[in-house]
Amino acid sequence: VGRQAVALLMRKVDGESVPAATLLDPRLTVRASTGPAVEARAEVPL
């Protein structure tokens, strides 16, 4: 994001046209903290 922001700004400084909106697509990486859902367990109290 920082790299793209500066590159866009430098193009504007040089008088070039730039896109109004640049949205970066999210990238999901699966690691160890997610798994299949379990039954709701009311018998596991706080």
All heavy atoms as atom14 arrays in JSON, in Angstrom:
{
  "sequence": "VGRQAVALLMRKVDGESVPAATLLDPRLTVRASTGPAVEARAEVPL",
  "atom14_mask": [
    [1, 1, 1, 1, 1, 1, 1, 0, 0, 0, 0, 0, 0, 0],
    [1, 1, 1, 1, 0, 0, 0, 0, 0, 0, 0, 0, 0, 0],
    [1, 1, 1, 1, 1, 1, 1, 1, 1, 1, 1, 0, 0, 0],
    [1, 1, 1, 1, 1, 1, 1, 1, 1, 0, 0, 0, 0, 0],
    [1, 1, 1, 1, 1, 0, 0, 0, 0, 0, 0, 0, 0, 0],
    [1, 1, 1, 1, 1, 1, 1, 0, 0, 0, 0, 0, 0, 0],
    [1, 1, 1, 1, 1, 0, 0, 0, 0, 0, 0, 0, 0, 0],
    [1, 1, 1, 1, 1, 1, 1, 1, 0, 0, 0, 0, 0, 0],
    [1, 1, 1, 1, 1, 1, 1, 1, 0, 0, 0, 0, 0, 0],
    [1, 1, 1, 1, 1, 1, 1, 1, 0, 0, 0, 0, 0, 0],
    [1, 1, 1, 1, 1, 1, 1, 1, 1, 1, 1, 0, 0, 0],
    [1, 1, 1, 1, 1, 1, 1, 1, 1, 0, 0, 0, 0, 0],
    [1, 1, 1, 1, 1, 1, 1, 0, 0, 0, 0, 0, 0, 0],
    [1, 1, 1, 1, 1, 1, 1, 1, 0, 0, 0, 0, 0, 0],
    [1, 1, 1, 1, 0, 0, 0, 0, 0, 0, 0, 0, 0, 0],
    [1, 1, 1, 1, 1, 1, 1, 1, 1, 0, 0, 0, 0, 0],
    [1, 1, 1, 1, 1, 1, 0, 0, 0, 0, 0, 0, 0, 0],
    [1, 1, 1, 1, 1, 1, 1, 0, 0, 0, 0, 0, 0, 0],
    [1, 1, 1, 1, 1, 1, 1, 0, 0, 0, 0, 0, 0, 0],
    [1, 1, 1, 1, 1, 0, 0, 0, 0, 0, 0, 0, 0, 0],
    [1, 1, 1, 1, 1, 0, 0, 0, 0, 0, 0, 0, 0, 0],
    [1, 1, 1, 1, 1, 1, 1, 0, 0, 0, 0, 0, 0, 0],
    [1, 1, 1, 1, 1, 1, 1, 1, 0, 0, 0, 0, 0, 0],
    [1, 1, 1, 1, 1, 1, 1, 1, 0, 0, 0, 0, 0, 0],
    [1, 1, 1, 1, 1, 1, 1, 1, 0, 0, 0, 0, 0, 0],
    [1, 1, 1, 1, 1, 1, 1, 0, 0, 0, 0, 0, 0, 0],
    [1, 1, 1, 1, 1, 1, 1, 1, 1, 1, 1, 0, 0, 0],
    [1, 1, 1, 1, 1, 1, 1, 1, 0, 0, 0, 0, 0, 0],
    [1, 1, 1, 1, 1, 1, 1, 0, 0, 0, 0, 0, 0, 0],
    [1, 1, 1, 1, 1, 1, 1, 0, 0, 0, 0, 0, 0, 0],
    [1, 1, 1, 1, 1, 1, 1, 1, 1, 1, 1, 0, 0, 0],
    [1, 1, 1, 1, 1, 0, 0, 0, 0, 0, 0, 0, 0, 0],
    [1, 1, 1, 1, 1, 1, 0, 0, 0, 0, 0, 0, 0, 0],
    [1, 1, 1, 1, 1, 1, 1, 0, 0, 0, 0, 0, 0, 0],
    [1, 1, 1, 1, 0, 0, 0, 0, 0, 0, 0, 0, 0, 0],
    [1, 1, 1, 1, 1, 1, 1, 0, 0, 0, 0, 0, 0, 0],
    [1, 1, 1, 1, 1, 0, 0, 0, 0, 0, 0, 0, 0, 0],
    [1, 1, 1, 1, 1, 1, 1, 0, 0, 0, 0, 0, 0, 0],
    [1, 1, 1, 1, 1, 1, 1, 1, 1, 0, 0, 0, 0, 0],
    [1, 1, 1, 1, 1, 0, 0, 0, 0, 0, 0, 0, 0, 0],
    [1, 1, 1, 1, 1, 1, 1, 1, 1, 1, 1, 0, 0, 0],
    [1, 1, 1, 1, 1, 0, 0, 0, 0, 0, 0, 0, 0, 0],
    [1, 1, 1, 1, 1, 1, 1, 1, 1, 0, 0, 0, 0, 0],
    [1, 1, 1, 1, 1, 1, 1, 0, 0, 0, 0, 0, 0, 0],
    [1, 1, 1, 1, 1, 1, 1, 0, 0, 0, 0, 0, 0, 0],
    [1, 1, 1, 1, 1, 1, 1, 1, 0, 0, 0, 0, 0, 0]
  ],
  "atom14_positions": [
    [[0.84, -1.2, 0.0], [0.0, 0.0, 0.0], [0.88, 1.26, 0.0], [0.64, 2.2, -0.77], [-0.95, 0.01, 1.21], [-1.64, 1.37, 1.34], [-2.0, -1.08, 1.06], [0.0, 0.0, 0.0], [0.0, 0.0, 0.0], [0.0, 0.0, 0.0], [0.0, 0.0, 0.0], [0.0, 0.0, 0.0], [0.0, 0.0, 0.0], [0.0, 0.0, 0.0]],
    [[1.9, 1.28, 0.86], [2.8, 2.43, 0.89], [3.51, 2.64, -0.43], [3.66, 3.77, -0.91], [0.0, 0.0, 0.0], [0.0, 0.0, 0.0], [0.0, 0.0, 0.0], [0.0, 0.0, 0.0], [0.0, 0.0, 0.0], [0.0, 0.0, 0.0], [0.0, 0.0, 0.0], [0.0, 0.0, 0.0], [0.0, 0.0, 0.0], [0.0, 0.0, 0.0]],
    [[3.97, 1.54, -1.03], [4.66, 1.63, -2.32], [3.75, 2.19, -3.41], [4.13, 3.06, -4.19], [5.18, 0.24, -2.7], [6.01, 0.22, -3.98], [6.82, -1.06, -4.09], [6.01, -2.26, -3.96], [6.14, -3.16, -2.99], [7.04, -2.98, -2.04], [5.37, -4.23, -2.95], [0.0, 0.0, 0.0], [0.0, 0.0, 0.0], [0.0, 0.0, 0.0]],
    [[2.52, 1.69, -3.44], [1.6, 2.17, -4.47], [1.23, 3.63, -4.24], [1.07, 4.4, -5.2], [0.33, 1.3, -4.48], [0.59, -0.12, -4.94], [-0.4, -0.56, -6.0], [-1.01, 0.24, -6.68], [-0.56, -1.87, -6.13], [0.0, 0.0, 0.0], [0.0, 0.0, 0.0], [0.0, 0.0, 0.0], [0.0, 0.0, 0.0], [0.0, 0.0, 0.0]],
    [[1.06, 4.03, -2.98], [0.7, 5.42, -2.69], [1.76, 6.38, -3.21], [1.46, 7.41, -3.84], [0.5, 5.61, -1.19], [0.0, 0.0, 0.0], [0.0, 0.0, 0.0], [0.0, 0.0, 0.0], [0.0, 0.0, 0.0], [0.0, 0.0, 0.0], [0.0, 0.0, 0.0], [0.0, 0.0, 0.0], [0.0, 0.0, 0.0], [0.0, 0.0, 0.0]],
    [[3.03, 6.06, -2.96], [4.11, 6.95, -3.42], [4.22, 6.93, -4.94], [4.41, 7.98, -5.56], [5.45, 6.54, -2.76], [6.6, 7.35, -3.35], [5.38, 6.73, -1.26], [0.0, 0.0, 0.0], [0.0, 0.0, 0.0], [0.0, 0.0, 0.0], [0.0, 0.0, 0.0], [0.0, 0.0, 0.0], [0.0, 0.0, 0.0], [0.0, 0.0, 0.0]],
    [[4.1, 5.76, -5.54], [4.17, 5.68, -7.0], [3.07, 6.51, -7.66], [3.31, 7.23, -8.65], [4.09, 4.22, -7.45], [0.0, 0.0, 0.0], [0.0, 0.0, 0.0], [0.0, 0.0, 0.0], [0.0, 0.0, 0.0], [0.0, 0.0, 0.0], [0.0, 0.0, 0.0], [0.0, 0.0, 0.0], [0.0, 0.0, 0.0], [0.0, 0.0, 0.0]],
    [[1.86, 6.44, -7.12], [0.76, 7.25, -7.65], [1.05, 8.74, -7.47], [0.79, 9.55, -8.37], [-0.55, 6.87, -6.94], [-1.16, 5.51, -7.3], [-2.23, 5.12, -6.29], [-1.75, 5.54, -8.71], [0.0, 0.0, 0.0], [0.0, 0.0, 0.0], [0.0, 0.0, 0.0], [0.0, 0.0, 0.0], [0.0, 0.0, 0.0], [0.0, 0.0, 0.0]],
    [[1.56, 9.1, -6.3], [1.85, 10.52, -6.04], [2.92, 11.04, -6.99], [2.79, 12.16, -7.52], [2.29, 10.7, -4.59], [2.53, 12.15, -4.16], [1.25, 12.97, -4.27], [3.08, 12.2, -2.74], [0.0, 0.0, 0.0], [0.0, 0.0, 0.0], [0.0, 0.0, 0.0], [0.0, 0.0, 0.0], [0.0, 0.0, 0.0], [0.0, 0.0, 0.0]],
    [[3.97, 10.26, -7.24], [5.03, 10.71, -8.14], [4.52, 10.89, -9.56], [4.93, 11.82, -10.27], [6.19, 9.71, -8.11], [6.97, 9.68, -6.81], [7.83, 11.23, -6.44], [6.67, 12.02, -5.33], [0.0, 0.0, 0.0], [0.0, 0.0, 0.0], [0.0, 0.0, 0.0], [0.0, 0.0, 0.0], [0.0, 0.0, 0.0], [0.0, 0.0, 0.0]],
    [[3.6, 10.04, -9.97], [2.99, 10.22, -11.29], [2.17, 11.5, -11.35], [2.19, 12.22, -12.35], [2.12, 9.01, -11.64], [2.91, 7.73, -11.93], [2.0, 6.53, -12.1], [1.07, 6.72, -13.2], [0.08, 5.88, -13.49], [-0.13, 4.81, -12.73], [-0.73, 6.12, -14.52], [0.0, 0.0, 0.0], [0.0, 0.0, 0.0], [0.0, 0.0, 0.0]],
    [[1.46, 11.82, -10.26], [0.7, 13.07, -10.23], [1.63, 14.28, -10.21], [1.33, 15.3, -10.85], [-0.22, 13.08, -9.0], [-1.34, 12.04, -9.06], [-2.27, 12.13, -7.86], [-3.18, 13.33, -7.92], [-4.22, 13.32, -6.86], [0.0, 0.0, 0.0], [0.0, 0.0, 0.0], [0.0, 0.0, 0.0], [0.0, 0.0, 0.0], [0.0, 0.0, 0.0]],
    [[2.75, 14.17, -9.48], [3.72, 15.27, -9.47], [4.24, 15.54, -10.87], [4.48, 16.69, -11.26], [4.88, 14.93, -8.5], [6.05, 15.89, -8.68], [4.39, 14.97, -7.04], [0.0, 0.0, 0.0], [0.0, 0.0, 0.0], [0.0, 0.0, 0.0], [0.0, 0.0, 0.0], [0.0, 0.0, 0.0], [0.0, 0.0, 0.0], [0.0, 0.0, 0.0]],
    [[4.41, 14.48, -11.65], [4.89, 14.62, -13.03], [3.79, 14.98, -14.02], [4.02, 15.03, -15.23], [5.56, 13.32, -13.47], [6.9, 13.08, -12.78], [7.5, 14.07, -12.32], [7.32, 11.91, -12.69], [0.0, 0.0, 0.0], [0.0, 0.0, 0.0], [0.0, 0.0, 0.0], [0.0, 0.0, 0.0], [0.0, 0.0, 0.0], [0.0, 0.0, 0.0]],
    [[2.57, 15.21, -13.51], [1.49, 15.63, -14.37], [0.76, 14.52, -15.08], [-0.03, 14.78, -16.01], [0.0, 0.0, 0.0], [0.0, 0.0, 0.0], [0.0, 0.0, 0.0], [0.0, 0.0, 0.0], [0.0, 0.0, 0.0], [0.0, 0.0, 0.0], [0.0, 0.0, 0.0], [0.0, 0.0, 0.0], [0.0, 0.0, 0.0], [0.0, 0.0, 0.0]],
    [[0.98, 13.28, -14.68], [0.32, 12.14, -15.33], [-1.07, 11.91, -14.73], [-1.34, 12.27, -13.58], [1.15, 10.87, -15.17], [2.52, 10.92, -15.81], [3.27, 9.61, -15.62], [2.6, 8.57, -15.48], [4.52, 9.64, -15.59], [0.0, 0.0, 0.0], [0.0, 0.0, 0.0], [0.0, 0.0, 0.0], [0.0, 0.0, 0.0], [0.0, 0.0, 0.0]],
    [[-1.92, 11.27, -15.51], [-3.22, 10.83, -15.01], [-3.05, 9.51, -14.27], [-2.26, 8.66, -14.68], [-4.21, 10.65, -16.16], [-4.45, 11.89, -16.8], [0.0, 0.0, 0.0], [0.0, 0.0, 0.0], [0.0, 0.0, 0.0], [0.0, 0.0, 0.0], [0.0, 0.0, 0.0], [0.0, 0.0, 0.0], [0.0, 0.0, 0.0], [0.0, 0.0, 0.0]],
    [[-3.79, 9.35, -13.18], [-3.71, 8.13, -12.38], [-5.13, 7.66, -12.07], [-6.08, 8.46, -12.1], [-2.94, 8.36, -11.05], [-1.52, 8.81, -11.32], [-3.67, 9.37, -10.17], [0.0, 0.0, 0.0], [0.0, 0.0, 0.0], [0.0, 0.0, 0.0], [0.0, 0.0, 0.0], [0.0, 0.0, 0.0], [0.0, 0.0, 0.0], [0.0, 0.0, 0.0]],
    [[-5.31, 6.37, -11.76], [-6.65, 5.9, -11.37], [-7.09, 6.54, -10.07], [-6.27, 6.79, -9.17], [-6.47, 4.39, -11.22], [-5.0, 4.18, -11.05], [-4.33, 5.27, -11.81], [0.0, 0.0, 0.0], [0.0, 0.0, 0.0], [0.0, 0.0, 0.0], [0.0, 0.0, 0.0], [0.0, 0.0, 0.0], [0.0, 0.0, 0.0], [0.0, 0.0, 0.0]],
    [[-8.38, 6.82, -9.96], [-8.9, 7.45, -8.74], [-8.87, 6.5, -7.56], [-8.61, 6.91, -6.42], [-10.32, 7.96, -8.98], [0.0, 0.0, 0.0], [0.0, 0.0, 0.0], [0.0, 0.0, 0.0], [0.0, 0.0, 0.0], [0.0, 0.0, 0.0], [0.0, 0.0, 0.0], [0.0, 0.0, 0.0], [0.0, 0.0, 0.0], [0.0, 0.0, 0.0]],
    [[-9.16, 5.23, -7.79], [-9.26, 4.26, -6.7], [-8.4, 3.04, -7.0], [-8.49, 2.47, -8.1], [-10.71, 3.84, -6.51], [0.0, 0.0, 0.0], [0.0, 0.0, 0.0], [0.0, 0.0, 0.0], [0.0, 0.0, 0.0], [0.0, 0.0, 0.0], [0.0, 0.0, 0.0], [0.0, 0.0, 0.0], [0.0, 0.0, 0.0], [0.0, 0.0, 0.0]],
    [[-7.58, 2.65, -6.03], [-6.79, 1.43, -6.13], [-7.09, 0.59, -4.9], [-6.7, 0.95, -3.78], [-5.28, 1.73, -6.2], [-5.02, 2.57, -7.33], [-4.49, 0.43, -6.34], [0.0, 0.0, 0.0], [0.0, 0.0, 0.0], [0.0, 0.0, 0.0], [0.0, 0.0, 0.0], [0.0, 0.0, 0.0], [0.0, 0.0, 0.0], [0.0, 0.0, 0.0]],
    [[-7.82, -0.51, -5.09], [-8.17, -1.42, -4.0], [-7.41, -2.72, -4.17], [-7.53, -3.38, -5.21], [-9.67, -1.68, -3.99], [-10.56, -0.6, -3.38], [-12.02, -0.89, -3.66], [-10.32, -0.48, -1.88], [0.0, 0.0, 0.0], [0.0, 0.0, 0.0], [0.0, 0.0, 0.0], [0.0, 0.0, 0.0], [0.0, 0.0, 0.0], [0.0, 0.0, 0.0]],
    [[-6.62, -3.1, -3.18], [-5.84, -4.33, -3.24], [-6.71, -5.5, -2.78], [-7.38, -5.41, -1.74], [-4.6, -4.23, -2.36], [-3.66, -3.05, -2.65], [-2.4, -3.16, -1.81], [-3.31, -2.97, -4.13], [0.0, 0.0, 0.0], [0.0, 0.0, 0.0], [0.0, 0.0, 0.0], [0.0, 0.0, 0.0], [0.0, 0.0, 0.0], [0.0, 0.0, 0.0]],
    [[-6.7, -6.57, -3.55], [-7.5, -7.75, -3.2], [-6.95, -8.41, -1.93], [-5.73, -8.56, -1.78], [-7.48, -8.77, -4.34], [-8.29, -8.31, -5.53], [-9.23, -7.52, -5.33], [-7.96, -8.72, -6.67], [0.0, 0.0, 0.0], [0.0, 0.0, 0.0], [0.0, 0.0, 0.0], [0.0, 0.0, 0.0], [0.0, 0.0, 0.0], [0.0, 0.0, 0.0]],
    [[-7.83, -8.83, -1.02], [-7.37, -9.51, 0.19], [-6.83, -10.9, -0.11], [-7.31, -11.57, -1.03], [-8.63, -9.59, 1.06], [-9.76, -9.5, 0.1], [-9.29, -8.65, -1.04], [0.0, 0.0, 0.0], [0.0, 0.0, 0.0], [0.0, 0.0, 0.0], [0.0, 0.0, 0.0], [0.0, 0.0, 0.0], [0.0, 0.0, 0.0], [0.0, 0.0, 0.0]],
    [[-5.83, -11.31, 0.67], [-5.22, -12.63, 0.51], [-5.33, -13.38, 1.83], [-4.75, -12.98, 2.85], [-3.74, -12.49, 0.12], [-3.06, -13.79, -0.24], [-1.56, -13.61, -0.28], [-0.97, -13.6, 1.05], [0.22, -13.1, 1.34], [0.94, -12.51, 0.41], [0.7, -13.16, 2.59], [0.0, 0.0, 0.0], [0.0, 0.0, 0.0], [0.0, 0.0, 0.0]],
    [[-6.08, -14.49, 1.82], [-6.25, -15.31, 3.02], [-5.21, -16.43, 3.04], [-5.02, -17.13, 2.04], [-7.64, -15.93, 3.04], [-7.94, -16.88, 4.21], [-8.21, -16.1, 5.48], [-9.11, -17.79, 3.89], [0.0, 0.0, 0.0], [0.0, 0.0, 0.0], [0.0, 0.0, 0.0], [0.0, 0.0, 0.0], [0.0, 0.0, 0.0], [0.0, 0.0, 0.0]],
    [[-4.52, -16.57, 4.17], [-3.59, -17.68, 4.38], [-4.13, -18.54, 5.52], [-4.33, -18.05, 6.63], [-2.18, -17.18, 4.73], [-1.69, -16.37, 3.66], [-1.23, -18.35, 4.94], [0.0, 0.0, 0.0], [0.0, 0.0, 0.0], [0.0, 0.0, 0.0], [0.0, 0.0, 0.0], [0.0, 0.0, 0.0], [0.0, 0.0, 0.0], [0.0, 0.0, 0.0]],
    [[-4.39, -19.83, 5.24], [-4.93, -20.74, 6.25], [-3.78, -21.3, 7.08], [-2.82, -21.85, 6.54], [-5.73, -21.88, 5.59], [-6.26, -22.84, 6.65], [-6.89, -21.3, 4.77], [0.0, 0.0, 0.0], [0.0, 0.0, 0.0], [0.0, 0.0, 0.0], [0.0, 0.0, 0.0], [0.0, 0.0, 0.0], [0.0, 0.0, 0.0], [0.0, 0.0, 0.0]],
    [[-3.91, -21.15, 8.4], [-2.91, -21.69, 9.32], [-3.63, -22.55, 10.36], [-4.63, -23.17, 10.04], [-2.1, -20.56, 9.95], [-1.32, -19.73, 8.9], [-0.38, -18.71, 9.58], [0.37, -17.94, 8.6], [-0.04, -16.78, 8.08], [-1.23, -16.27, 8.45], [0.71, -16.13, 7.22], [0.0, 0.0, 0.0], [0.0, 0.0, 0.0], [0.0, 0.0, 0.0]],
    [[-3.11, -22.59, 11.59], [-3.58, -23.58, 12.56], [-4.76, -23.14, 13.41], [-5.28, -23.93, 14.2], [-2.42, -23.97, 13.48], [0.0, 0.0, 0.0], [0.0, 0.0, 0.0], [0.0, 0.0, 0.0], [0.0, 0.0, 0.0], [0.0, 0.0, 0.0], [0.0, 0.0, 0.0], [0.0, 0.0, 0.0], [0.0, 0.0, 0.0], [0.0, 0.0, 0.0]],
    [[-5.23, -21.91, 13.28], [-6.23, -21.41, 14.23], [-7.67, -21.6, 13.79], [-8.59, -21.22, 14.52], [-5.99, -19.9, 14.48], [-6.25, -19.16, 13.3], [0.0, 0.0, 0.0], [0.0, 0.0, 0.0], [0.0, 0.0, 0.0], [0.0, 0.0, 0.0], [0.0, 0.0, 0.0], [0.0, 0.0, 0.0], [0.0, 0.0, 0.0], [0.0, 0.0, 0.0]],
    [[-7.9, -22.19, 12.62], [-9.28, -22.43, 12.18], [-9.47, -23.9, 11.84], [-8.55, -24.57, 11.35], [-9.63, -21.58, 10.94], [-8.65, -21.77, 9.92], [-9.71, -20.11, 11.29], [0.0, 0.0, 0.0], [0.0, 0.0, 0.0], [0.0, 0.0, 0.0], [0.0, 0.0, 0.0], [0.0, 0.0, 0.0], [0.0, 0.0, 0.0], [0.0, 0.0, 0.0]],
    [[-10.68, -24.37, 12.12], [-11.03, -25.76, 11.82], [-12.54, -25.89, 11.72], [-13.28, -24.91, 11.87], [0.0, 0.0, 0.0], [0.0, 0.0, 0.0], [0.0, 0.0, 0.0], [0.0, 0.0, 0.0], [0.0, 0.0, 0.0], [0.0, 0.0, 0.0], [0.0, 0.0, 0.0], [0.0, 0.0, 0.0], [0.0, 0.0, 0.0], [0.0, 0.0, 0.0]],
    [[-13.03, -27.1, 11.47], [-14.48, -27.31, 11.34], [-15.22, -26.9, 12.6], [-14.7, -26.99, 13.71], [-14.58, -28.82, 11.09], [-13.25, -29.23, 10.56], [-12.25, -28.33, 11.23], [0.0, 0.0, 0.0], [0.0, 0.0, 0.0], [0.0, 0.0, 0.0], [0.0, 0.0, 0.0], [0.0, 0.0, 0.0], [0.0, 0.0, 0.0], [0.0, 0.0, 0.0]],
    [[-16.45, -26.47, 12.41], [-17.28, -26.04, 13.54], [-17.63, -27.23, 14.43], [-17.75, -28.36, 13.97], [-18.56, -25.39, 13.02], [0.0, 0.0, 0.0], [0.0, 0.0, 0.0], [0.0, 0.0, 0.0], [0.0, 0.0, 0.0], [0.0, 0.0, 0.0], [0.0, 0.0, 0.0], [0.0, 0.0, 0.0], [0.0, 0.0, 0.0], [0.0, 0.0, 0.0]],
    [[-17.8, -26.95, 15.7], [-18.22, -27.97, 16.66], [-19.64, -27.66, 17.1], [-20.15, -26.55, 16.91], [-17.3, -28.01, 17.9], [-15.9, -28.42, 17.5], [-17.27, -26.66, 18.59], [0.0, 0.0, 0.0], [0.0, 0.0, 0.0], [0.0, 0.0, 0.0], [0.0, 0.0, 0.0], [0.0, 0.0, 0.0], [0.0, 0.0, 0.0], [0.0, 0.0, 0.0]],
    [[-20.3, -28.64, 17.72], [-21.64, -28.4, 18.28], [-21.57, -27.33, 19.35], [-20.59, -27.23, 20.09], [-22.18, -29.69, 18.92], [-22.59, -30.75, 17.91], [-23.93, -30.42, 17.26], [-24.58, -29.46, 17.72], [-24.3, -31.11, 16.3], [0.0, 0.0, 0.0], [0.0, 0.0, 0.0], [0.0, 0.0, 0.0], [0.0, 0.0, 0.0], [0.0, 0.0, 0.0]],
    [[-22.59, -26.5, 19.42], [-22.68, -25.55, 20.53], [-22.72, -26.35, 21.82], [-23.46, -27.31, 21.93], [-23.94, -24.7, 20.39], [0.0, 0.0, 0.0], [0.0, 0.0, 0.0], [0.0, 0.0, 0.0], [0.0, 0.0, 0.0], [0.0, 0.0, 0.0], [0.0, 0.0, 0.0], [0.0, 0.0, 0.0], [0.0, 0.0, 0.0], [0.0, 0.0, 0.0]],
    [[-21.89, -25.95, 22.8], [-21.75, -26.77, 23.99], [-22.12, -25.96, 25.22], [-21.28, -25.34, 25.84], [-20.32, -27.31, 24.09], [-20.0, -28.26, 22.94], [-18.65, -28.91, 23.11], [-17.58, -27.92, 23.03], [-16.71, -27.69, 24.0], [-16.81, -28.34, 25.12], [-15.77, -26.8, 23.85], [0.0, 0.0, 0.0], [0.0, 0.0, 0.0], [0.0, 0.0, 0.0]],
    [[-23.41, -25.95, 25.55], [-23.87, -25.21, 26.73], [-23.26, -25.77, 28.0], [-23.18, -25.1, 29.02], [-25.39, -25.24, 26.81], [0.0, 0.0, 0.0], [0.0, 0.0, 0.0], [0.0, 0.0, 0.0], [0.0, 0.0, 0.0], [0.0, 0.0, 0.0], [0.0, 0.0, 0.0], [0.0, 0.0, 0.0], [0.0, 0.0, 0.0], [0.0, 0.0, 0.0]],
    [[-22.81, -27.06, 27.94], [-22.27, -27.66, 29.15], [-20.81, -27.28, 29.39], [-20.19, -27.74, 30.33], [-22.39, -29.19, 29.11], [-21.52, -29.87, 28.05], [-22.23, -29.96, 26.72], [-23.11, -29.14, 26.45], [-21.88, -30.88, 25.96], [0.0, 0.0, 0.0], [0.0, 0.0, 0.0], [0.0, 0.0, 0.0], [0.0, 0.0, 0.0], [0.0, 0.0, 0.0]],
    [[-20.22, -26.42, 28.51], [-18.88, -25.92, 28.77], [-19.03, -24.5, 29.32], [-19.2, -23.55, 28.57], [-18.02, -25.9, 27.48], [-16.63, -25.37, 27.79], [-17.93, -27.32, 26.9], [0.0, 0.0, 0.0], [0.0, 0.0, 0.0], [0.0, 0.0, 0.0], [0.0, 0.0, 0.0], [0.0, 0.0, 0.0], [0.0, 0.0, 0.0], [0.0, 0.0, 0.0]],
    [[-19.05, -24.35, 30.65], [-19.36, -23.04, 31.23], [-18.15, -22.12, 31.24], [-17.01, -22.56, 31.1], [-19.76, -23.4, 32.67], [-18.88, -24.58, 32.97], [-18.76, -25.36, 31.67], [0.0, 0.0, 0.0], [0.0, 0.0, 0.0], [0.0, 0.0, 0.0], [0.0, 0.0, 0.0], [0.0, 0.0, 0.0], [0.0, 0.0, 0.0], [0.0, 0.0, 0.0]],
    [[-18.41, -20.85, 31.39], [-17.33, -19.92, 31.66], [-16.85, -20.16, 33.09], [-17.6, -20.63, 33.93], [-17.83, -18.48, 31.52], [-18.34, -18.1, 30.12], [-18.79, -16.65, 30.13], [-17.28, -18.33, 29.07], [0.0, 0.0, 0.0], [0.0, 0.0, 0.0], [0.0, 0.0, 0.0], [0.0, 0.0, 0.0], [0.0, 0.0, 0.0], [0.0, 0.0, 0.0]]
  ]
}
